[in-house]
N, C-alpha and C. Protein backbone atom coordinates (compact mmCIF):
# COMPACT_ATOMS: atom_id res chain seq x y z
N MET A 1 152.51 -17.80 21.19
CA MET A 1 151.49 -18.65 21.94
C MET A 1 150.16 -17.80 21.99
N ARG A 2 150.17 -16.55 22.34
CA ARG A 2 148.89 -15.83 22.44
C ARG A 2 148.11 -15.69 21.08
N GLY A 3 149.03 -15.54 19.98
CA GLY A 3 148.34 -15.67 18.69
C GLY A 3 147.67 -16.99 18.27
N LYS A 4 148.31 -18.12 18.67
CA LYS A 4 147.73 -19.34 18.29
C LYS A 4 146.44 -19.42 19.18
N GLY A 5 146.27 -19.09 20.39
CA GLY A 5 145.24 -19.27 21.27
C GLY A 5 144.10 -18.45 20.64
N ALA A 6 144.35 -17.10 20.27
CA ALA A 6 143.34 -16.35 19.63
C ALA A 6 142.77 -16.97 18.29
N MET A 7 143.76 -17.46 17.48
CA MET A 7 143.32 -18.17 16.16
C MET A 7 142.54 -19.45 16.50
N GLY A 8 142.75 -20.08 17.56
CA GLY A 8 141.89 -21.34 17.98
C GLY A 8 140.57 -20.86 18.33
N ARG A 9 140.42 -19.73 19.08
CA ARG A 9 139.14 -19.30 19.38
C ARG A 9 138.35 -18.83 18.19
N MET A 10 139.21 -18.21 17.45
CA MET A 10 138.29 -17.80 16.14
C MET A 10 137.89 -18.97 15.16
N VAL A 11 138.52 -19.96 15.14
CA VAL A 11 138.19 -21.16 14.30
C VAL A 11 136.99 -21.70 15.00
N ARG A 12 137.01 -21.92 16.42
CA ARG A 12 136.07 -22.53 17.09
C ARG A 12 134.61 -21.76 16.94
N SER A 13 134.86 -20.48 17.05
CA SER A 13 133.62 -19.57 17.04
C SER A 13 133.05 -19.68 15.44
N PHE A 14 133.83 -19.74 14.60
CA PHE A 14 133.39 -19.85 13.07
C PHE A 14 132.75 -21.19 12.92
N LEU A 15 133.19 -22.25 13.54
CA LEU A 15 132.59 -23.57 13.37
C LEU A 15 131.26 -23.61 14.17
N GLN A 16 131.23 -22.98 15.29
CA GLN A 16 129.99 -22.91 15.99
C GLN A 16 128.87 -22.16 15.26
N SER A 17 129.22 -21.18 14.61
CA SER A 17 128.29 -20.24 13.88
C SER A 17 127.89 -21.06 12.57
N LEU A 18 128.76 -21.80 11.84
CA LEU A 18 128.28 -22.68 10.83
C LEU A 18 127.32 -23.84 11.32
N LEU A 19 127.72 -24.36 12.48
CA LEU A 19 126.77 -25.49 13.01
C LEU A 19 125.35 -24.86 13.39
N LYS A 20 125.36 -23.73 13.90
CA LYS A 20 124.03 -23.10 14.17
C LYS A 20 123.29 -22.75 12.99
N LEU A 21 123.95 -22.37 11.82
CA LEU A 21 123.22 -22.09 10.63
C LEU A 21 122.63 -23.23 9.95
N ALA A 22 123.48 -24.32 9.91
CA ALA A 22 122.94 -25.59 9.26
C ALA A 22 121.78 -26.22 10.27
N ASN A 23 121.96 -25.95 11.48
CA ASN A 23 120.90 -26.33 12.36
C ASN A 23 119.75 -25.71 12.29
N SER A 24 119.70 -24.43 11.91
CA SER A 24 118.64 -23.63 11.69
C SER A 24 117.90 -24.08 10.63
N VAL A 25 118.49 -24.54 9.43
CA VAL A 25 117.77 -25.06 8.35
C VAL A 25 116.88 -26.24 8.81
N ILE A 26 117.44 -27.17 9.51
CA ILE A 26 116.64 -28.28 10.15
C ILE A 26 115.69 -27.86 10.96
N GLY A 27 115.77 -26.85 11.80
CA GLY A 27 114.64 -26.22 12.54
C GLY A 27 113.56 -25.74 11.84
N LEU A 28 113.84 -25.05 10.69
CA LEU A 28 112.75 -24.49 9.79
C LEU A 28 111.93 -25.52 9.23
N VAL A 29 112.67 -26.58 8.77
CA VAL A 29 111.93 -27.75 8.30
C VAL A 29 110.90 -28.30 9.19
N GLY A 30 111.35 -28.41 10.58
CA GLY A 30 110.63 -28.99 11.71
C GLY A 30 109.36 -28.05 11.83
N VAL A 31 109.60 -26.83 11.99
CA VAL A 31 108.47 -26.05 12.20
C VAL A 31 107.40 -25.94 11.10
N GLY A 32 107.99 -25.99 9.77
CA GLY A 32 107.11 -26.18 8.69
C GLY A 32 106.24 -27.29 8.80
N MET A 33 106.83 -28.55 9.18
CA MET A 33 106.02 -29.69 9.31
C MET A 33 104.92 -29.58 10.42
N ILE A 34 105.30 -28.91 11.56
CA ILE A 34 104.44 -28.84 12.57
C ILE A 34 103.19 -27.96 12.19
N LEU A 35 103.47 -26.88 11.38
CA LEU A 35 102.45 -25.90 10.92
C LEU A 35 101.57 -26.80 10.06
N TYR A 36 102.11 -27.40 9.13
CA TYR A 36 101.45 -28.31 8.09
C TYR A 36 100.48 -29.15 8.64
N SER A 37 101.07 -29.88 9.83
CA SER A 37 100.27 -31.00 10.37
C SER A 37 99.15 -30.23 11.15
N LEU A 38 99.31 -29.25 11.76
CA LEU A 38 98.31 -28.43 12.60
C LEU A 38 97.11 -28.04 11.43
N TRP A 39 97.51 -27.66 10.38
CA TRP A 39 96.66 -27.25 9.37
C TRP A 39 95.78 -28.45 8.89
N MET A 40 96.34 -29.63 8.70
CA MET A 40 95.72 -30.81 8.28
C MET A 40 94.84 -31.21 9.53
N LEU A 41 95.18 -31.06 10.69
CA LEU A 41 94.45 -31.46 11.72
C LEU A 41 93.10 -30.60 11.84
N ARG A 42 93.31 -29.32 11.65
CA ARG A 42 92.22 -28.48 11.64
C ARG A 42 91.19 -28.83 10.56
N VAL A 43 91.73 -29.00 9.28
CA VAL A 43 90.61 -29.43 8.29
C VAL A 43 90.08 -30.68 8.63
N TRP A 44 90.81 -31.78 9.25
CA TRP A 44 90.24 -32.98 9.50
C TRP A 44 89.17 -32.88 10.51
N TYR A 45 89.43 -32.09 11.57
CA TYR A 45 88.42 -31.88 12.57
C TYR A 45 87.26 -31.14 12.19
N LYS A 46 87.31 -30.32 11.18
CA LYS A 46 86.16 -29.81 10.54
C LYS A 46 85.25 -30.83 9.74
N GLU A 47 86.04 -31.81 9.15
CA GLU A 47 85.34 -32.81 8.47
C GLU A 47 84.62 -33.75 9.34
N VAL A 48 85.03 -34.16 10.52
CA VAL A 48 84.39 -35.03 11.40
C VAL A 48 83.77 -34.25 12.49
N GLN A 49 83.69 -32.92 12.47
CA GLN A 49 83.02 -31.97 13.45
C GLN A 49 83.88 -32.01 14.76
N SER A 50 84.06 -33.14 15.37
CA SER A 50 85.06 -33.12 16.66
C SER A 50 85.52 -34.45 16.77
N TYR A 51 86.73 -34.61 17.61
CA TYR A 51 87.36 -35.88 17.68
C TYR A 51 86.52 -36.72 18.32
N TRP A 52 85.87 -36.30 19.62
CA TRP A 52 85.02 -37.29 20.39
C TRP A 52 83.81 -37.50 19.66
N GLY A 53 83.26 -36.65 18.92
CA GLY A 53 81.97 -36.92 18.20
C GLY A 53 82.12 -37.84 17.03
N ALA A 54 83.32 -38.07 16.64
CA ALA A 54 83.44 -38.71 15.43
C ALA A 54 82.97 -40.28 15.45
N GLY A 55 83.10 -40.93 16.69
CA GLY A 55 82.59 -42.28 17.02
C GLY A 55 83.93 -43.12 16.81
N PRO A 56 83.80 -44.35 17.13
CA PRO A 56 84.84 -45.38 17.25
C PRO A 56 85.35 -45.70 15.83
N ASP A 57 84.29 -45.54 14.83
CA ASP A 57 84.65 -45.97 13.51
C ASP A 57 85.38 -44.75 12.65
N SER A 58 85.54 -43.76 13.28
CA SER A 58 86.28 -42.65 12.47
C SER A 58 87.79 -42.98 12.24
N PRO A 59 88.09 -42.64 11.02
CA PRO A 59 89.59 -42.93 10.56
C PRO A 59 90.58 -42.22 11.54
N LEU A 60 91.77 -43.02 11.72
CA LEU A 60 92.71 -42.46 12.52
C LEU A 60 93.69 -41.78 11.55
N PRO A 61 93.84 -40.41 11.95
CA PRO A 61 94.74 -39.63 10.99
C PRO A 61 96.34 -40.05 11.18
N TRP A 62 96.83 -41.17 11.10
CA TRP A 62 98.00 -41.76 11.31
C TRP A 62 99.22 -40.76 10.45
N PHE A 63 98.66 -40.39 9.18
CA PHE A 63 99.66 -39.65 8.50
C PHE A 63 99.80 -38.21 9.14
N ILE A 64 98.86 -37.64 9.58
CA ILE A 64 99.02 -36.38 10.28
C ILE A 64 99.65 -36.43 11.59
N TYR A 65 99.47 -37.35 12.30
CA TYR A 65 100.16 -37.51 13.53
C TYR A 65 101.81 -37.85 13.31
N THR A 66 102.02 -38.59 12.15
CA THR A 66 103.45 -38.90 11.94
C THR A 66 104.05 -37.62 11.43
N ILE A 67 103.38 -36.75 10.58
CA ILE A 67 104.09 -35.43 10.26
C ILE A 67 104.31 -34.60 11.47
N LEU A 68 103.33 -34.61 12.36
CA LEU A 68 103.45 -33.75 13.67
C LEU A 68 104.66 -34.39 14.39
N GLY A 69 104.72 -35.76 14.68
CA GLY A 69 105.74 -36.18 15.34
C GLY A 69 107.26 -36.00 14.85
N LEU A 70 107.28 -35.98 13.53
CA LEU A 70 108.53 -35.76 12.90
C LEU A 70 108.92 -34.22 13.08
N GLY A 71 107.81 -33.38 12.85
CA GLY A 71 108.16 -31.90 13.13
C GLY A 71 108.62 -31.72 14.59
N VAL A 72 108.03 -32.32 15.50
CA VAL A 72 108.40 -32.11 16.98
C VAL A 72 109.69 -32.66 17.20
N SER A 73 109.99 -33.77 16.55
CA SER A 73 111.50 -34.47 16.55
C SER A 73 112.60 -33.56 15.99
N LEU A 74 112.24 -33.00 14.92
CA LEU A 74 113.28 -32.08 14.20
C LEU A 74 113.45 -30.89 15.19
N SER A 75 112.38 -30.32 15.63
CA SER A 75 112.57 -29.15 16.68
C SER A 75 113.33 -29.46 17.80
N VAL A 76 113.02 -30.61 18.31
CA VAL A 76 113.96 -31.13 19.61
C VAL A 76 115.32 -31.30 19.27
N ILE A 77 115.51 -31.71 18.17
CA ILE A 77 116.97 -32.03 17.63
C ILE A 77 117.67 -30.70 17.48
N THR A 78 116.83 -29.79 16.84
CA THR A 78 117.51 -28.32 16.56
C THR A 78 117.89 -27.82 17.96
N CYS A 79 117.05 -27.86 19.00
CA CYS A 79 117.25 -27.03 20.18
C CYS A 79 118.52 -27.76 20.80
N SER A 80 118.58 -29.17 20.76
CA SER A 80 119.74 -29.82 21.31
C SER A 80 121.04 -29.25 20.47
N GLY A 81 120.92 -29.21 19.16
CA GLY A 81 121.96 -28.77 18.40
C GLY A 81 122.48 -27.40 18.65
N HIS A 82 121.46 -26.41 19.08
CA HIS A 82 121.80 -25.12 19.24
C HIS A 82 122.58 -25.22 20.50
N ILE A 83 122.18 -25.90 21.58
CA ILE A 83 122.79 -25.85 22.87
C ILE A 83 124.17 -26.52 22.67
N ALA A 84 124.20 -27.57 21.88
CA ALA A 84 125.68 -28.26 21.62
C ALA A 84 126.54 -27.20 20.86
N ALA A 85 126.07 -26.45 19.99
CA ALA A 85 126.87 -25.45 19.32
C ALA A 85 127.35 -24.30 20.16
N GLU A 86 126.36 -23.97 20.95
CA GLU A 86 126.71 -22.71 21.89
C GLU A 86 127.70 -23.17 22.98
N THR A 87 127.67 -24.32 23.65
CA THR A 87 128.42 -24.73 24.66
C THR A 87 129.65 -25.40 24.10
N ALA A 88 129.67 -25.97 23.02
CA ALA A 88 130.83 -26.90 22.43
C ALA A 88 131.07 -28.04 23.42
N ASN A 89 130.11 -28.44 24.29
CA ASN A 89 130.40 -29.65 25.05
C ASN A 89 130.39 -30.82 24.49
N VAL A 90 131.38 -31.67 24.88
CA VAL A 90 131.62 -33.02 24.03
C VAL A 90 130.47 -33.94 24.31
N HIS A 91 129.88 -33.93 25.37
CA HIS A 91 128.70 -34.88 25.69
C HIS A 91 127.38 -34.35 24.89
N CYS A 92 127.22 -33.09 24.97
CA CYS A 92 126.22 -32.42 24.04
C CYS A 92 126.24 -32.82 22.68
N LEU A 93 127.49 -32.62 22.15
CA LEU A 93 127.80 -32.81 20.68
C LEU A 93 127.54 -34.25 20.28
N SER A 94 127.86 -35.13 21.25
CA SER A 94 127.69 -36.60 21.04
C SER A 94 126.20 -37.02 20.96
N CYS A 95 125.53 -36.46 21.84
CA CYS A 95 124.01 -36.66 22.01
C CYS A 95 123.32 -36.15 20.77
N TYR A 96 123.81 -34.94 20.31
CA TYR A 96 123.14 -34.39 19.09
C TYR A 96 123.46 -35.17 17.91
N MET A 97 124.76 -35.73 17.72
CA MET A 97 125.12 -36.46 16.66
C MET A 97 124.51 -37.85 16.51
N VAL A 98 124.11 -38.48 17.83
CA VAL A 98 123.36 -39.80 17.74
C VAL A 98 121.99 -39.44 17.31
N LEU A 99 121.33 -38.36 17.81
CA LEU A 99 119.93 -38.14 17.47
C LEU A 99 119.77 -37.83 15.93
N LEU A 100 120.66 -37.03 15.49
CA LEU A 100 120.59 -36.66 14.07
C LEU A 100 121.10 -37.76 13.16
N PHE A 101 121.95 -38.65 13.54
CA PHE A 101 122.38 -39.88 12.84
C PHE A 101 121.24 -40.87 12.75
N SER A 102 120.47 -40.94 13.84
CA SER A 102 119.35 -41.82 13.80
C SER A 102 118.23 -41.39 12.96
N LEU A 103 118.03 -40.14 12.90
CA LEU A 103 117.07 -39.53 11.91
C LEU A 103 117.53 -39.71 10.52
N VAL A 104 118.71 -39.53 10.23
CA VAL A 104 119.20 -39.88 8.77
C VAL A 104 119.05 -41.15 8.36
N VAL A 105 119.43 -42.10 9.25
CA VAL A 105 119.16 -43.58 8.93
C VAL A 105 117.78 -43.86 8.78
N LEU A 106 116.88 -43.41 9.60
CA LEU A 106 115.24 -43.53 9.23
C LEU A 106 114.92 -43.03 7.96
N GLU A 107 115.37 -41.89 7.55
CA GLU A 107 115.11 -41.18 6.11
C GLU A 107 115.56 -42.04 5.19
N SER A 108 117.03 -42.34 5.37
CA SER A 108 117.44 -43.27 4.28
C SER A 108 116.68 -44.56 4.02
N ALA A 109 116.18 -45.15 5.14
CA ALA A 109 115.37 -46.44 4.96
C ALA A 109 114.13 -46.20 4.21
N VAL A 110 113.42 -45.10 4.49
CA VAL A 110 112.19 -44.87 3.84
C VAL A 110 112.52 -44.39 2.43
N THR A 111 113.49 -43.64 2.17
CA THR A 111 113.77 -43.51 0.67
C THR A 111 114.16 -44.64 -0.02
N ALA A 112 114.92 -45.45 0.47
CA ALA A 112 115.48 -46.77 -0.19
C ALA A 112 114.01 -47.77 -0.44
N ASP A 113 113.16 -47.74 0.54
CA ASP A 113 111.93 -48.56 0.34
C ASP A 113 111.02 -47.98 -0.79
N VAL A 114 110.98 -46.53 -0.82
CA VAL A 114 110.22 -45.94 -1.91
C VAL A 114 110.79 -46.12 -3.29
N PHE A 115 112.10 -46.03 -3.43
CA PHE A 115 112.74 -46.15 -4.76
C PHE A 115 113.09 -47.50 -5.14
N LEU A 116 113.29 -48.35 -4.37
CA LEU A 116 113.60 -49.75 -4.61
C LEU A 116 112.34 -50.74 -4.67
N ASN A 117 111.40 -50.39 -3.83
CA ASN A 117 110.20 -51.25 -3.74
C ASN A 117 109.12 -50.68 -4.48
N SER A 118 108.55 -51.40 -5.50
CA SER A 118 107.61 -50.89 -6.46
C SER A 118 106.24 -50.76 -5.68
N ASP A 119 106.04 -51.66 -4.67
CA ASP A 119 104.83 -51.72 -3.97
C ASP A 119 104.98 -51.14 -2.52
N TRP A 120 105.71 -50.05 -2.39
CA TRP A 120 105.96 -49.25 -1.11
C TRP A 120 104.76 -48.81 -0.44
N GLU A 121 103.65 -48.49 -1.25
CA GLU A 121 102.42 -47.94 -0.71
C GLU A 121 101.87 -48.95 0.25
N GLU A 122 102.01 -50.18 -0.14
CA GLU A 122 101.41 -51.33 0.78
C GLU A 122 102.00 -51.41 2.17
N ASP A 123 103.41 -50.84 2.15
CA ASP A 123 104.01 -50.85 3.67
C ASP A 123 103.45 -49.84 4.49
N PHE A 124 102.62 -48.94 4.09
CA PHE A 124 101.85 -47.97 4.94
C PHE A 124 100.44 -48.40 5.21
N PRO A 125 99.84 -48.04 6.32
CA PRO A 125 98.38 -48.21 6.47
C PRO A 125 97.65 -47.35 5.67
N MET A 126 96.36 -47.66 5.22
CA MET A 126 95.41 -46.89 4.42
C MET A 126 95.17 -45.56 5.26
N ASP A 127 95.33 -44.46 4.64
CA ASP A 127 95.00 -43.23 5.16
C ASP A 127 93.66 -42.77 4.74
N LYS A 128 92.62 -42.91 5.53
CA LYS A 128 91.30 -42.51 4.97
C LYS A 128 90.99 -41.04 5.03
N THR A 129 91.92 -40.13 5.59
CA THR A 129 91.75 -38.86 5.53
C THR A 129 92.19 -38.31 4.20
N GLY A 130 92.77 -38.92 3.33
CA GLY A 130 93.16 -38.53 2.01
C GLY A 130 94.28 -37.69 1.92
N ARG A 131 94.98 -37.18 3.15
CA ARG A 131 96.11 -36.19 3.12
C ARG A 131 97.29 -36.83 2.48
N PHE A 132 97.52 -38.10 2.59
CA PHE A 132 98.53 -38.88 2.27
C PHE A 132 98.66 -38.87 0.64
N ASN A 133 97.44 -39.07 0.10
CA ASN A 133 97.37 -38.96 -1.51
C ASN A 133 97.59 -37.49 -1.92
N GLU A 134 97.11 -36.54 -1.19
CA GLU A 134 97.26 -35.12 -1.64
C GLU A 134 98.78 -34.84 -1.49
N LEU A 135 99.59 -35.28 -0.64
CA LEU A 135 100.94 -34.96 -0.50
C LEU A 135 101.67 -35.75 -1.69
N LYS A 136 101.39 -36.93 -2.06
CA LYS A 136 101.94 -37.69 -3.13
C LYS A 136 101.64 -36.93 -4.41
N ASN A 137 100.62 -36.58 -4.65
CA ASN A 137 100.21 -35.76 -5.93
C ASN A 137 100.94 -34.49 -5.93
N PHE A 138 101.14 -33.78 -4.92
CA PHE A 138 101.92 -32.49 -4.84
C PHE A 138 103.27 -32.74 -5.15
N VAL A 139 103.94 -33.83 -4.50
CA VAL A 139 105.50 -34.24 -4.90
C VAL A 139 105.49 -34.57 -6.45
N ARG A 140 104.65 -35.34 -6.87
CA ARG A 140 104.60 -35.70 -8.41
C ARG A 140 104.58 -34.49 -9.45
N THR A 141 103.70 -33.56 -9.02
CA THR A 141 103.56 -32.49 -9.83
C THR A 141 104.52 -31.45 -9.64
N ASN A 142 105.26 -31.36 -8.47
CA ASN A 142 106.32 -30.39 -8.07
C ASN A 142 107.57 -31.09 -7.86
N PHE A 143 107.96 -32.10 -8.72
CA PHE A 143 109.05 -33.01 -8.29
C PHE A 143 110.47 -32.38 -8.26
N GLU A 144 110.68 -31.35 -9.20
CA GLU A 144 111.81 -30.55 -9.12
C GLU A 144 112.04 -29.63 -7.90
N PHE A 145 111.04 -28.99 -7.61
CA PHE A 145 111.12 -28.28 -6.24
C PHE A 145 111.23 -29.05 -5.08
N CYS A 146 110.52 -30.09 -5.04
CA CYS A 146 110.63 -31.11 -3.78
C CYS A 146 111.97 -31.56 -3.77
N LYS A 147 112.49 -31.93 -4.96
CA LYS A 147 113.92 -32.60 -5.04
C LYS A 147 114.92 -31.58 -4.44
N TRP A 148 114.87 -30.35 -4.82
CA TRP A 148 115.91 -29.35 -4.29
C TRP A 148 115.72 -29.09 -2.80
N ILE A 149 114.46 -29.04 -2.42
CA ILE A 149 114.18 -28.98 -0.89
C ILE A 149 114.74 -30.04 -0.18
N ALA A 150 114.64 -31.41 -0.69
CA ALA A 150 115.11 -32.63 0.12
C ALA A 150 116.71 -32.58 0.00
N LEU A 151 117.31 -32.03 -1.14
CA LEU A 151 118.70 -31.89 -1.14
C LEU A 151 119.40 -30.99 -0.12
N VAL A 152 118.57 -29.85 0.01
CA VAL A 152 119.06 -28.83 0.94
C VAL A 152 118.99 -29.42 2.37
N VAL A 153 117.78 -30.03 2.58
CA VAL A 153 117.64 -30.77 4.06
C VAL A 153 118.71 -31.83 4.28
N VAL A 154 119.04 -32.53 3.32
CA VAL A 154 120.21 -33.65 3.50
C VAL A 154 121.45 -33.01 3.63
N ALA A 155 121.73 -32.07 2.84
CA ALA A 155 123.10 -31.18 3.02
C ALA A 155 123.16 -30.54 4.34
N ALA A 156 122.04 -29.97 4.84
CA ALA A 156 122.10 -29.31 6.27
C ALA A 156 122.40 -30.41 7.31
N GLN A 157 121.84 -31.60 7.13
CA GLN A 157 121.92 -32.62 8.12
C GLN A 157 123.32 -33.20 8.10
N ALA A 158 123.84 -33.36 7.02
CA ALA A 158 125.24 -34.03 6.81
C ALA A 158 126.10 -32.93 7.40
N SER A 159 125.97 -31.62 7.02
CA SER A 159 126.97 -30.59 7.46
C SER A 159 126.85 -30.49 8.94
N SER A 160 125.73 -30.60 9.50
CA SER A 160 125.52 -30.53 10.97
C SER A 160 126.41 -31.71 11.55
N ILE A 161 126.24 -32.71 11.10
CA ILE A 161 126.96 -33.87 11.70
C ILE A 161 128.45 -33.81 11.60
N LEU A 162 128.97 -33.39 10.40
CA LEU A 162 130.44 -33.12 10.19
C LEU A 162 130.93 -31.98 11.04
N LEU A 163 130.18 -30.87 11.19
CA LEU A 163 130.61 -29.81 12.05
C LEU A 163 130.64 -30.25 13.42
N ALA A 164 129.68 -30.97 13.85
CA ALA A 164 129.61 -31.56 15.26
C ALA A 164 130.86 -32.45 15.45
N MET A 165 131.25 -33.17 14.55
CA MET A 165 132.30 -34.06 14.79
C MET A 165 133.61 -33.38 14.98
N VAL A 166 133.85 -32.27 14.12
CA VAL A 166 135.06 -31.34 14.21
C VAL A 166 134.98 -30.75 15.50
N LEU A 167 134.03 -30.18 16.02
CA LEU A 167 133.93 -29.41 17.23
C LEU A 167 134.12 -30.38 18.37
N ARG A 168 133.69 -31.61 18.33
CA ARG A 168 133.99 -32.61 19.31
C ARG A 168 135.38 -33.13 19.36
N ALA A 169 135.97 -33.09 18.19
CA ALA A 169 137.42 -33.46 18.13
C ALA A 169 138.23 -32.33 18.85
N LEU A 170 137.78 -31.11 18.69
CA LEU A 170 138.36 -29.97 19.17
C LEU A 170 138.41 -30.02 20.66
N GLY A 171 137.41 -30.56 21.30
CA GLY A 171 137.28 -30.66 22.81
C GLY A 171 136.44 -29.57 23.26
N SER A 172 136.11 -29.72 24.58
CA SER A 172 135.34 -28.55 25.15
C SER A 172 136.24 -27.30 25.36
N TYR A 173 135.41 -26.18 25.23
CA TYR A 173 136.14 -24.89 25.49
C TYR A 173 136.62 -24.64 26.99
N ARG A 174 137.85 -24.51 27.20
CA ARG A 174 138.41 -24.40 28.56
C ARG A 174 138.71 -23.11 29.03
N GLY A 175 138.40 -22.05 28.31
CA GLY A 175 138.57 -20.70 28.68
C GLY A 175 139.93 -20.29 28.76
N SER A 176 140.37 -19.94 30.10
CA SER A 176 141.64 -19.40 30.33
C SER A 176 142.81 -20.49 30.08
N TYR A 177 142.46 -21.80 29.88
CA TYR A 177 143.52 -22.77 29.68
C TYR A 177 144.04 -22.50 28.28
N TYR A 178 143.31 -21.77 27.34
CA TYR A 178 143.99 -21.58 26.07
C TYR A 178 144.84 -20.34 26.01
N ASP A 179 144.98 -19.66 27.26
CA ASP A 179 145.87 -18.53 27.06
C ASP A 179 147.35 -18.97 27.24
N SER A 180 148.10 -18.10 26.81
CA SER A 180 149.58 -18.51 26.87
C SER A 180 150.22 -18.53 28.24
N ASP A 181 151.39 -19.03 28.34
CA ASP A 181 152.11 -19.15 29.62
C ASP A 181 152.52 -17.65 30.02
N ASP A 182 152.65 -16.68 29.00
CA ASP A 182 153.07 -15.25 29.53
C ASP A 182 152.06 -14.75 30.40
N ASP A 183 150.82 -15.10 30.32
CA ASP A 183 149.81 -14.36 31.16
C ASP A 183 150.02 -14.82 32.55
N PHE A 184 150.38 -16.19 32.84
CA PHE A 184 150.57 -16.60 34.14
C PHE A 184 151.88 -15.93 34.65
N ILE A 185 152.77 -15.71 33.76
CA ILE A 185 154.20 -15.06 34.31
C ILE A 185 153.79 -13.69 34.82
N HIS A 186 152.99 -13.00 33.96
CA HIS A 186 152.67 -11.56 34.28
C HIS A 186 151.82 -11.51 35.61
N ALA A 187 150.98 -12.62 35.76
CA ALA A 187 150.25 -12.66 37.13
C ALA A 187 151.11 -12.87 38.30
N ARG A 188 152.24 -13.45 38.16
CA ARG A 188 153.21 -13.79 39.23
C ARG A 188 154.24 -12.62 39.57
N LEU A 189 154.24 -11.80 38.52
CA LEU A 189 155.27 -10.72 38.63
C LEU A 189 155.06 -9.81 39.89
N PRO A 190 153.80 -9.22 40.07
CA PRO A 190 153.60 -8.37 41.22
C PRO A 190 154.04 -9.04 42.49
N LEU A 191 153.80 -10.29 42.61
CA LEU A 191 154.17 -11.04 43.87
C LEU A 191 155.81 -11.03 43.94
N ILE A 192 156.51 -11.05 42.96
CA ILE A 192 157.94 -10.91 42.94
C ILE A 192 158.34 -9.53 43.31
N ARG A 193 157.55 -8.53 42.75
CA ARG A 193 158.23 -7.17 42.91
C ARG A 193 157.90 -6.72 44.41
N ASN A 194 156.66 -7.20 44.91
CA ASN A 194 156.23 -6.78 46.09
C ASN A 194 156.95 -7.44 47.34
N GLN A 195 157.99 -8.21 46.98
CA GLN A 195 158.60 -8.88 48.18
C GLN A 195 159.09 -8.02 49.31
N VAL A 196 159.03 -8.30 50.38
CA VAL A 196 159.70 -7.41 51.46
C VAL A 196 161.23 -7.46 51.49
N GLN A 197 161.68 -6.33 51.27
CA GLN A 197 163.14 -6.17 51.24
C GLN A 197 163.74 -6.26 52.71
N PRO A 198 164.80 -7.01 52.93
CA PRO A 198 165.34 -7.18 54.13
C PRO A 198 165.92 -5.82 54.68
N THR A 199 165.71 -5.52 55.88
CA THR A 199 166.20 -4.33 56.41
C THR A 199 167.78 -4.42 56.66
N PRO A 200 168.43 -3.26 56.54
CA PRO A 200 169.87 -3.31 56.74
C PRO A 200 170.33 -3.69 58.05
N TYR A 201 171.47 -4.28 58.15
CA TYR A 201 171.84 -4.85 59.54
C TYR A 201 172.31 -3.52 60.44
N ILE A 202 171.86 -3.44 61.44
CA ILE A 202 172.24 -2.35 62.34
C ILE A 202 172.89 -3.08 63.69
N GLY A 203 174.18 -2.55 63.91
CA GLY A 203 174.82 -3.15 65.07
C GLY A 203 174.06 -3.03 66.41
N GLU A 204 174.51 -3.69 67.33
CA GLU A 204 173.93 -3.64 68.63
C GLU A 204 174.13 -2.22 69.25
N ALA A 205 173.16 -1.67 69.79
CA ALA A 205 173.29 -0.31 70.36
C ALA A 205 174.14 -0.58 71.67
N ARG A 206 175.14 0.49 71.70
CA ARG A 206 176.14 0.33 72.82
C ARG A 206 175.87 1.50 73.68
N PRO A 207 175.99 1.36 74.94
CA PRO A 207 175.63 2.43 75.96
C PRO A 207 176.71 3.61 75.71
N PRO A 208 176.28 4.79 75.95
CA PRO A 208 177.12 6.04 75.69
C PRO A 208 178.28 6.06 76.72
N LEU A 209 179.57 6.38 76.23
CA LEU A 209 180.62 6.57 77.03
C LEU A 209 180.62 7.82 77.86
N TYR A 210 180.77 7.82 79.13
CA TYR A 210 180.93 9.02 79.78
C TYR A 210 182.29 9.43 80.25
């Protein structure tokens, strides 16, 4: 029983480490998107001098804000995934899986629209900042590199969902409940050994005979 409990803790710890590793890949992508969006904002602010001085007719950098929002969302999901992996709590793992699955569904919808719809660019508003066109040109000229990056991200997301499902199936960590019954027997032994022994019977004291 003690060996089975130790093996179960080792398996759980290994799965938690794998989930943290896969989750870290998602976090790196989120941080990269945040840095990229901040760099684009900095360049765009230089072009229009300042946000408030640009006037009401200044182009809205929706693409930059979208990348920034996705980066922040990935970072939040990564933080929740790290907490879920560390605690192995059923509710945290469920929340993490729902957030990550929703993100995967959104990515799948956008990818399907790009590959199946020849006029997919019309589904997005016009980006007057030009950053959207720059990203498209970069992806086209570096398609193999971008493809491998996308495959790594998708693999990390799928692995995170699978590992979270396995940890959730194992249940929350219950600490001492995984110990064997021998531990509890040993804990009760001192109480048995320290029982007060009955004093030997001594007859009634009789008065001395004279």
